[in-house]
Structures are given as structure tokens and as C-alpha cells.
Amino acid sequence: MEANKKILLTGAAGFIGSYLLGYLNEKGFENIYIVDAFDNEKKEQNFHQKKFIEKIERDQLFDWLEKTKPTIDFVFHLGARTDTTEFDYAVHEKLNVIYSQKIWHYCAAKKIPLVYASSAATYGDGSLGYKDDHALIQKLQPLNPYGISKNEFDKWALATTEIEAPPFWAGLKFFNVYGPNEYHKGRMASMIFHGYHQIMASGSVKLFKSHRSDYANGEQLRDFIYVKDLAEVCFWFLQEQPTSGLYNLGTGTARSFKDLIAAVFTAVGKPTNIQYIDMPEDIRDKYQYFTEADMQKLRKTGYTAPFHSLEEGVKEYVQNFLVKNIHY
């Protein structure tokens, strides 16, 4: 796609959305309409030096589209309520289901390709595996309202595509994403972010104990993906627009939290010092002990670029961004 094409990007003030905005700028794309709730001052650094055409408040988007009738060539819908500790489903349903349905209808009506953010939280406890097979989606049982809302939209999209759909669409099931521009996320920031600041403050890092006998402390496993890799995949979908559908987006390799924190200690040149603490009761029975993306579908579609190893990604994030306290 030529760099003069116009893109609508929701969630542009957030962690992944602002990184993608910067990545698109680097690739020469500057005709971008950015959408978000721009009331959080902590997010301003995420986008203030980036190039875009216009900033649109999230709640005003559809009125703005109707009024201005802009030319839009592609939509990245990354905006969502992502707090897994928010247990009021109505909050997630409003932003992650109903709002996303309105985006879908707009793209279908205007024949605009759409990439939207789904989540590995849709897979629940992983008992059905982590394969992005459309036949599996109806059977999934997410562990929290956030995961439920993301899966409900995936199910709706698959059902609706038989009747009405954008000319191309992809729902990307993001696994555990880390990297710059998550300074505003507080409790929901990555363990790399929290680990780095704990090391700087005390020389040690606190990790949750395992509350399952089949996992040792620190050996809980996640598929951690560097946000730069995620942006590269999004950009590939923008250019290639392969077969529509749901796609996993992780590295395909699960790593332990112990490995993750060891990589942070290595990145700052300090000896590993981990202390284990009890997991909060409010998340204990909703906690995923293992996630690992099955990446065959994306690879078979034609995406061939390698992903950063955990050590490579953590080193770049820590040394180039956290140590310097800068944004991407």
C-alpha cells in the first residue's frame, strides 16, 4: 500500500496503538486519523511527537465519520478496554463488542480493509489448546470478562462475515506483548516494566508463587512477544491482505517468568535476585499458567520474518527505552 493512503487507527494513545503509529510513521505513512480517549495525561507522550492528520475522541468517532465523510483506505482497530481485573462485563461489552461491531459495519459498508485486536485471553485455561482454528472459537471458555468480550466479538465476526464483511479482515490474537510506551498502564504494565523498576529500587524482583503443584515458583509460562514484532506483522497485513480470518500473534515459544526476569537483570548488568510472593486472591482462580501461540496459520499464509527471542527483546526494551526513560 502506498504511503499516501489514509489510515484510521483506534487506540492510538495506548501502548500498542501508539507504537504502531510510530512504526507507520517510520515507514512513511503520515496520513493517519488517530482515535482514542485523550483524557489521560500520562498517555500524551505516547503520540505527541508523531505525525497524523487529525485526533478524534473515541466517543465522537461515528458522528465524525458521518459528518466529515473522510476517505479511509485501511482501519487498524486496536482500541479496547484491556483491564483483566475489571470484572464488570458491561464495561468490556460496550467497548470491546458493541463499539467493534460498529467499526466492522462501517468498514463493510465503505469496503475498507480491517485489522482488529483480539487476544490470547480468549483461550481461557488453555485446555483446548492455542490453535487459531475457526472451529474452536465457539468452544472457548475465557477466564475473565475481558477475554469473554474479545471472544464474543470473534464469534460475532465469524458469523457475520457470511452476511456482511469488510473486503479483507483479520482478528489478531495478541499474546503477552511487552515494549516501550506502556508507562501509563500501572498494574497492567508488563512484568519487564515492573521488574526493571523493582531492580532499580531494591536490587530484587517479586514474582508470584505458583499455586499449582505441577508448576514450580517462577515457572509459569507465557508466550511473550516484543511489540516491534507485532507492529511488523500488522504492517504486513496492511500490505499483503491475505486470507481473512483470525490469526494468533505470539512467538510460538513459551518462556517462564523466571527467564523473563533473569533477562531483565542481565540487561541492567546485575545478578538475578528473585523473591516469591503470594498471588492476589482476586486473580488466583483466573490465572493462566501456560500460553503458547500456535503460529502455523500465519506462517502458512506467507509471513516469514523471525521474531525477537525473549532475551533480545528484553535487552532492546530495557537498554534503549526504560534505562533512558524515553518513548518510541
Protein backbone atom coordinates (compact mmCIF):
# COMPACT_ATOMS: atom_id res chain seq x y z
CA MET A 1 0.00 0.00 0.00
CA GLU A 2 1.33 3.41 -0.95
CA ALA A 3 2.39 5.66 1.92
CA ASN A 4 -0.11 8.37 0.91
CA LYS A 5 -3.06 6.09 1.73
CA LYS A 6 -5.22 7.20 4.64
CA ILE A 7 -5.42 5.03 7.74
CA LEU A 8 -7.78 5.14 10.72
CA LEU A 9 -6.09 3.92 13.92
CA THR A 10 -8.07 3.41 17.15
CA GLY A 11 -6.32 3.05 20.49
CA ALA A 12 -3.63 5.38 19.18
CA ALA A 13 -2.77 6.85 22.59
CA GLY A 14 -2.31 3.44 24.18
CA PHE A 15 0.68 1.13 24.36
CA ILE A 16 0.36 -0.93 21.17
CA GLY A 17 -1.57 1.68 19.18
CA SER A 18 1.00 4.43 19.76
CA TYR A 19 3.85 2.07 18.91
CA LEU A 20 2.12 1.13 15.65
CA LEU A 21 1.58 4.84 14.91
CA GLY A 22 5.32 5.45 15.28
CA TYR A 23 6.13 2.38 13.20
CA LEU A 24 3.80 3.54 10.40
CA ASN A 25 5.45 6.98 10.52
CA GLU A 26 8.86 5.31 10.10
CA LYS A 27 7.51 3.53 7.02
CA GLY A 28 6.40 6.88 5.55
CA PHE A 29 2.71 6.72 6.49
CA GLU A 30 1.61 10.05 7.94
CA ASN A 31 -1.99 10.37 6.67
CA ILE A 32 -3.40 8.78 9.80
CA TYR A 33 -6.56 9.62 11.73
CA ILE A 34 -5.94 8.71 15.37
CA VAL A 35 -8.78 7.76 17.72
CA ASP A 36 -8.77 7.29 21.50
CA ALA A 37 -10.00 8.77 24.77
CA PHE A 38 -7.40 11.52 25.01
CA ASP A 39 -8.11 12.47 28.64
CA ASN A 40 -5.18 10.63 30.24
CA GLU A 41 -2.21 13.00 30.52
CA LYS A 42 0.13 10.05 31.08
CA LYS A 43 -0.59 8.91 27.51
CA GLU A 44 0.31 12.20 25.83
CA GLN A 45 3.99 11.32 25.50
CA ASN A 46 2.95 8.23 23.51
CA PHE A 47 1.81 10.24 20.50
CA HIS A 48 2.79 13.91 20.85
CA GLN A 49 5.83 13.79 18.51
CA LYS A 50 4.23 11.50 15.95
CA LYS A 51 2.68 12.50 12.64
CA PHE A 52 -1.07 12.24 11.99
CA ILE A 53 -3.82 14.19 10.24
CA GLU A 54 -6.40 14.56 12.98
CA LYS A 55 -7.14 13.45 16.52
CA ILE A 56 -10.70 12.18 17.14
CA GLU A 57 -12.21 11.43 20.54
CA ARG A 58 -13.33 7.81 20.80
CA ASP A 59 -16.92 8.65 21.78
CA GLN A 60 -17.25 11.06 18.84
CA LEU A 61 -15.85 8.81 16.12
CA PHE A 62 -19.06 7.68 14.45
CA ASP A 63 -20.59 11.16 14.47
CA TRP A 64 -17.34 12.46 12.98
CA LEU A 65 -17.36 9.80 10.25
CA GLU A 66 -20.95 10.62 9.37
CA LYS A 67 -20.32 14.37 9.34
CA THR A 68 -16.97 14.59 7.56
CA LYS A 69 -17.21 11.51 5.32
CA PRO A 70 -13.41 11.11 5.11
CA THR A 71 -11.60 8.93 2.60
CA ILE A 72 -10.17 5.99 4.55
CA ASP A 73 -8.18 3.19 2.91
CA PHE A 74 -7.47 0.95 5.91
CA VAL A 75 -8.56 0.59 9.55
CA PHE A 76 -6.49 -0.68 12.49
CA HIS A 77 -8.90 -1.13 15.40
CA LEU A 78 -6.64 -1.58 18.44
CA GLY A 79 -8.70 0.41 20.94
CA ALA A 80 -10.21 -1.69 23.74
CA ARG A 81 -10.82 -1.95 27.45
CA THR A 82 -7.93 -4.26 28.34
CA ASP A 83 -8.04 -4.37 32.15
CA THR A 84 -8.29 -8.05 33.09
CA THR A 85 -9.07 -7.06 36.70
CA GLU A 86 -12.24 -5.18 35.65
CA PHE A 87 -14.98 -7.72 36.35
CA ASP A 88 -18.00 -5.69 35.19
CA TYR A 89 -18.75 -7.31 31.84
CA ALA A 90 -20.90 -4.36 30.73
CA VAL A 91 -17.77 -2.18 30.64
CA HIS A 92 -15.99 -4.63 28.33
CA GLU A 93 -19.09 -5.30 26.24
CA LYS A 94 -19.57 -1.59 25.44
CA LEU A 95 -16.04 -1.03 24.11
CA ASN A 96 -14.86 -4.47 23.02
CA VAL A 97 -18.05 -5.82 21.44
CA ILE A 98 -20.59 -3.12 20.57
CA TYR A 99 -18.03 -0.47 19.54
CA SER A 100 -16.12 -3.06 17.49
CA GLN A 101 -19.33 -4.11 15.75
CA LYS A 102 -19.89 -0.51 14.69
CA ILE A 103 -16.33 -0.36 13.31
CA TRP A 104 -16.99 -3.62 11.40
CA HIS A 105 -20.27 -2.33 9.93
CA TYR A 106 -18.58 0.89 8.82
CA CYS A 107 -15.72 -0.99 7.13
CA ALA A 108 -18.12 -3.39 5.45
CA ALA A 109 -20.33 -0.57 4.15
CA LYS A 110 -17.40 1.50 2.89
CA LYS A 111 -15.41 -1.54 1.64
CA ILE A 112 -12.40 -0.75 3.85
CA PRO A 113 -9.96 -3.50 4.95
CA LEU A 114 -9.88 -4.01 8.72
CA VAL A 115 -7.35 -5.42 11.20
CA TYR A 116 -8.54 -5.58 14.79
CA ALA A 117 -7.01 -6.69 18.10
CA SER A 118 -8.29 -9.91 19.61
CA SER A 119 -6.47 -11.59 22.50
CA ALA A 120 -4.92 -14.80 23.77
CA ALA A 121 -7.19 -14.28 26.80
CA THR A 122 -9.90 -15.85 24.63
CA TYR A 123 -8.21 -19.25 25.11
CA GLY A 124 -9.03 -19.43 28.82
CA ASP A 125 -7.08 -22.04 30.76
CA GLY A 126 -5.64 -23.48 27.54
CA SER A 127 -7.32 -26.85 27.96
CA LEU A 128 -8.47 -26.68 24.32
CA GLY A 129 -5.04 -25.61 23.10
CA TYR A 130 -3.91 -22.40 21.43
CA LYS A 131 -4.73 -23.04 17.78
CA ASP A 132 -6.35 -20.20 15.79
CA ASP A 133 -8.81 -22.61 14.21
CA HIS A 134 -12.21 -21.05 13.50
CA ALA A 135 -13.95 -24.30 14.50
CA LEU A 136 -12.55 -23.91 18.03
CA ILE A 137 -13.84 -20.41 18.75
CA GLN A 138 -17.35 -21.40 19.83
CA LYS A 139 -15.95 -23.85 22.39
CA LEU A 140 -13.54 -21.49 24.14
CA GLN A 141 -14.18 -20.50 27.76
CA PRO A 142 -12.21 -17.37 28.70
CA LEU A 143 -11.40 -16.85 32.39
CA ASN A 144 -12.40 -13.19 32.77
CA PRO A 145 -14.83 -10.62 31.34
CA TYR A 146 -12.11 -9.10 29.14
CA GLY A 147 -11.38 -12.45 27.49
CA ILE A 148 -15.10 -13.18 27.18
CA SER A 149 -15.72 -9.86 25.40
CA LYS A 150 -12.89 -10.47 22.94
CA ASN A 151 -14.15 -13.98 22.19
CA GLU A 152 -17.73 -12.77 21.79
CA PHE A 153 -16.60 -10.34 19.10
CA ASP A 154 -14.53 -13.04 17.36
CA LYS A 155 -17.59 -15.30 17.32
CA TRP A 156 -19.77 -12.47 16.03
CA ALA A 157 -17.25 -11.61 13.29
CA LEU A 158 -17.08 -15.19 12.07
CA ALA A 159 -20.88 -15.43 11.96
CA THR A 160 -21.35 -12.01 10.36
CA THR A 161 -18.74 -12.50 7.62
CA GLU A 162 -21.20 -14.86 5.93
CA ILE A 163 -23.63 -11.94 5.53
CA GLU A 164 -21.57 -8.75 5.64
CA ALA A 165 -17.83 -8.19 5.93
CA PRO A 166 -15.03 -5.81 5.02
CA PRO A 167 -13.23 -6.78 1.77
CA PHE A 168 -10.41 -8.08 3.96
CA TRP A 169 -10.36 -8.53 7.71
CA ALA A 170 -8.10 -10.09 10.33
CA GLY A 171 -8.54 -10.50 14.07
CA LEU A 172 -5.09 -10.79 15.66
CA LYS A 173 -4.95 -12.74 18.91
CA PHE A 174 -2.22 -10.87 20.75
CA PHE A 175 -0.32 -12.94 23.32
CA ASN A 176 1.77 -11.27 26.08
CA VAL A 177 3.00 -8.07 24.47
CA TYR A 178 5.81 -6.00 26.00
CA GLY A 179 7.83 -2.98 24.96
CA PRO A 180 8.02 0.82 25.10
CA ASN A 181 5.05 3.16 25.59
CA GLU A 182 3.44 1.22 28.44
CA TYR A 183 4.47 3.76 31.10
CA HIS A 184 0.81 4.71 31.72
CA LYS A 185 -0.52 1.19 32.29
CA GLY A 186 0.10 0.92 36.05
CA ARG A 187 -0.74 -2.54 37.38
CA MET A 188 -1.41 -3.80 33.84
CA ALA A 189 2.09 -2.96 32.53
CA SER A 190 4.35 -5.89 31.61
CA MET A 191 6.46 -7.72 34.20
CA ILE A 192 9.53 -6.37 32.39
CA PHE A 193 8.45 -2.81 33.20
CA HIS A 194 7.68 -3.67 36.83
CA GLY A 195 10.77 -5.85 37.18
CA TYR A 196 13.08 -3.12 35.91
CA HIS A 197 11.73 -0.57 38.39
CA GLN A 198 11.89 -3.06 41.27
CA ILE A 199 15.54 -3.80 40.43
CA MET A 200 16.38 -0.09 40.34
CA ALA A 201 14.63 0.47 43.68
CA SER A 202 15.70 -2.59 45.67
CA GLY A 203 18.00 -4.84 43.63
CA SER A 204 15.43 -7.64 43.69
CA VAL A 205 12.18 -8.59 41.93
CA LYS A 206 8.99 -10.05 43.40
CA LEU A 207 7.25 -12.76 41.37
CA PHE A 208 4.04 -14.60 42.16
CA LYS A 209 4.35 -18.01 43.74
CA SER A 210 2.78 -20.89 41.87
CA HIS A 211 -0.45 -22.12 43.43
CA ARG A 212 -0.42 -25.31 41.38
CA SER A 213 1.67 -28.37 42.25
CA ASP A 214 2.62 -29.00 38.61
CA TYR A 215 4.37 -25.62 38.27
CA ALA A 216 7.34 -24.54 40.40
CA ASN A 217 7.55 -20.91 41.55
CA GLY A 218 8.54 -18.70 38.63
CA GLU A 219 7.97 -21.47 36.09
CA GLN A 220 4.57 -20.20 34.97
CA LEU A 221 4.86 -19.96 31.19
CA ARG A 222 3.78 -17.29 28.73
CA ASP A 223 4.31 -16.51 25.06
CA PHE A 224 5.97 -13.09 25.36
CA ILE A 225 6.08 -11.08 22.11
CA TYR A 226 8.01 -7.84 21.59
CA VAL A 227 5.76 -5.01 20.38
CA LYS A 228 8.11 -4.33 17.45
CA ASP A 229 7.37 -7.82 16.08
CA LEU A 230 3.66 -7.19 16.50
CA ALA A 231 3.90 -3.90 14.57
CA GLU A 232 5.77 -5.64 11.76
CA VAL A 233 3.02 -8.25 11.46
CA CYS A 234 0.33 -5.53 11.42
CA PHE A 235 2.23 -3.71 8.69
CA TRP A 236 2.49 -6.94 6.69
CA PHE A 237 -1.30 -7.36 6.88
CA LEU A 238 -1.72 -3.77 5.69
CA GLN A 239 0.39 -4.54 2.62
CA GLU A 240 -0.48 -8.15 1.80
CA GLN A 241 -4.12 -8.59 2.91
CA PRO A 242 -4.04 -12.42 2.75
CA THR A 243 -6.95 -14.74 3.61
CA SER A 244 -9.39 -13.11 6.04
CA GLY A 245 -9.81 -14.63 9.48
CA LEU A 246 -8.40 -14.97 12.98
CA TYR A 247 -4.64 -15.22 13.48
CA ASN A 248 -2.51 -15.87 16.54
CA LEU A 249 0.21 -13.33 17.21
CA GLY A 250 2.85 -14.62 19.58
CA THR A 251 6.33 -16.05 19.05
CA GLY A 252 5.23 -19.68 19.22
CA THR A 253 7.61 -20.31 22.15
CA ALA A 254 6.50 -20.23 25.80
CA ARG A 255 9.04 -18.92 28.33
CA SER A 256 8.95 -18.74 32.12
CA PHE A 257 8.63 -15.62 34.24
CA LYS A 258 11.93 -16.66 35.84
CA ASP A 259 13.57 -16.49 32.39
CA LEU A 260 11.93 -13.13 31.74
CA ILE A 261 13.22 -11.55 34.94
CA ALA A 262 16.67 -13.09 34.50
CA ALA A 263 16.80 -11.32 31.12
CA VAL A 264 15.96 -8.00 32.80
CA PHE A 265 18.73 -8.48 35.38
CA THR A 266 21.16 -9.33 32.57
CA ALA A 267 20.10 -6.23 30.60
CA VAL A 268 20.97 -3.97 33.54
CA GLY A 269 24.13 -5.90 34.45
CA LYS A 270 23.02 -7.07 37.88
CA PRO A 271 22.86 -10.56 39.47
CA THR A 272 19.45 -12.27 39.44
CA ASN A 273 17.64 -11.89 42.77
CA ILE A 274 14.02 -13.10 42.82
CA GLN A 275 11.64 -13.23 45.79
CA TYR A 276 8.34 -15.09 45.57
CA ILE A 277 5.11 -13.69 46.99
CA ASP A 278 1.53 -14.97 47.19
CA MET A 279 -0.64 -14.25 44.17
CA PRO A 280 -3.57 -11.87 44.95
CA GLU A 281 -6.73 -13.82 45.65
CA ASP A 282 -8.77 -11.77 43.17
CA ILE A 283 -6.83 -13.21 40.20
CA ARG A 284 -5.74 -16.58 41.58
CA ASP A 285 -8.54 -18.67 40.06
CA LYS A 286 -8.43 -16.70 36.78
CA TYR A 287 -4.70 -17.06 36.21
CA GLN A 288 -3.24 -18.64 33.05
CA TYR A 289 -0.27 -20.87 33.89
CA PHE A 290 0.65 -21.59 30.28
CA THR A 291 0.14 -19.84 26.95
CA GLU A 292 1.87 -20.61 23.67
CA ALA A 293 0.67 -19.44 20.28
CA ASP A 294 0.35 -21.99 17.51
CA MET A 295 1.85 -19.89 14.72
CA GLN A 296 1.41 -22.29 11.78
CA LYS A 297 -1.51 -20.38 10.27
CA LEU A 298 0.34 -17.07 9.95
CA ARG A 299 3.46 -18.82 8.64
CA LYS A 300 1.47 -20.77 6.05
CA THR A 301 -0.16 -17.52 4.95
CA GLY A 302 3.29 -16.26 3.96
CA TYR A 303 4.72 -14.31 6.90
CA THR A 304 8.38 -15.37 7.14
CA ALA A 305 10.15 -12.77 9.32
CA PRO A 306 11.70 -14.08 12.56
CA PHE A 307 10.56 -12.90 15.98
CA HIS A 308 12.86 -11.49 18.66
CA SER A 309 13.93 -14.01 21.27
CA LEU A 310 12.91 -13.10 24.82
CA GLU A 311 16.49 -12.08 25.65
CA GLU A 312 16.82 -9.93 22.51
CA GLY A 313 13.52 -8.14 23.01
CA VAL A 314 14.03 -7.52 26.73
CA LYS A 315 17.55 -6.19 26.15
CA GLU A 316 16.36 -3.72 23.50
CA TYR A 317 13.38 -2.58 25.58
CA VAL A 318 15.35 -2.14 28.80
CA GLN A 319 18.53 -0.57 27.40
CA ASN A 320 17.01 1.61 24.65
CA PHE A 321 13.86 2.77 26.44
CA LEU A 322 13.48 2.01 30.17
CA VAL A 323 17.03 2.99 31.16
CA LYS A 324 16.68 6.25 29.18
CA ASN A 325 13.04 6.73 30.28
CA ILE A 326 12.00 7.54 26.70
CA HIS A 327 9.10 6.63 24.43
CA TYR A 328 9.17 5.10 20.99
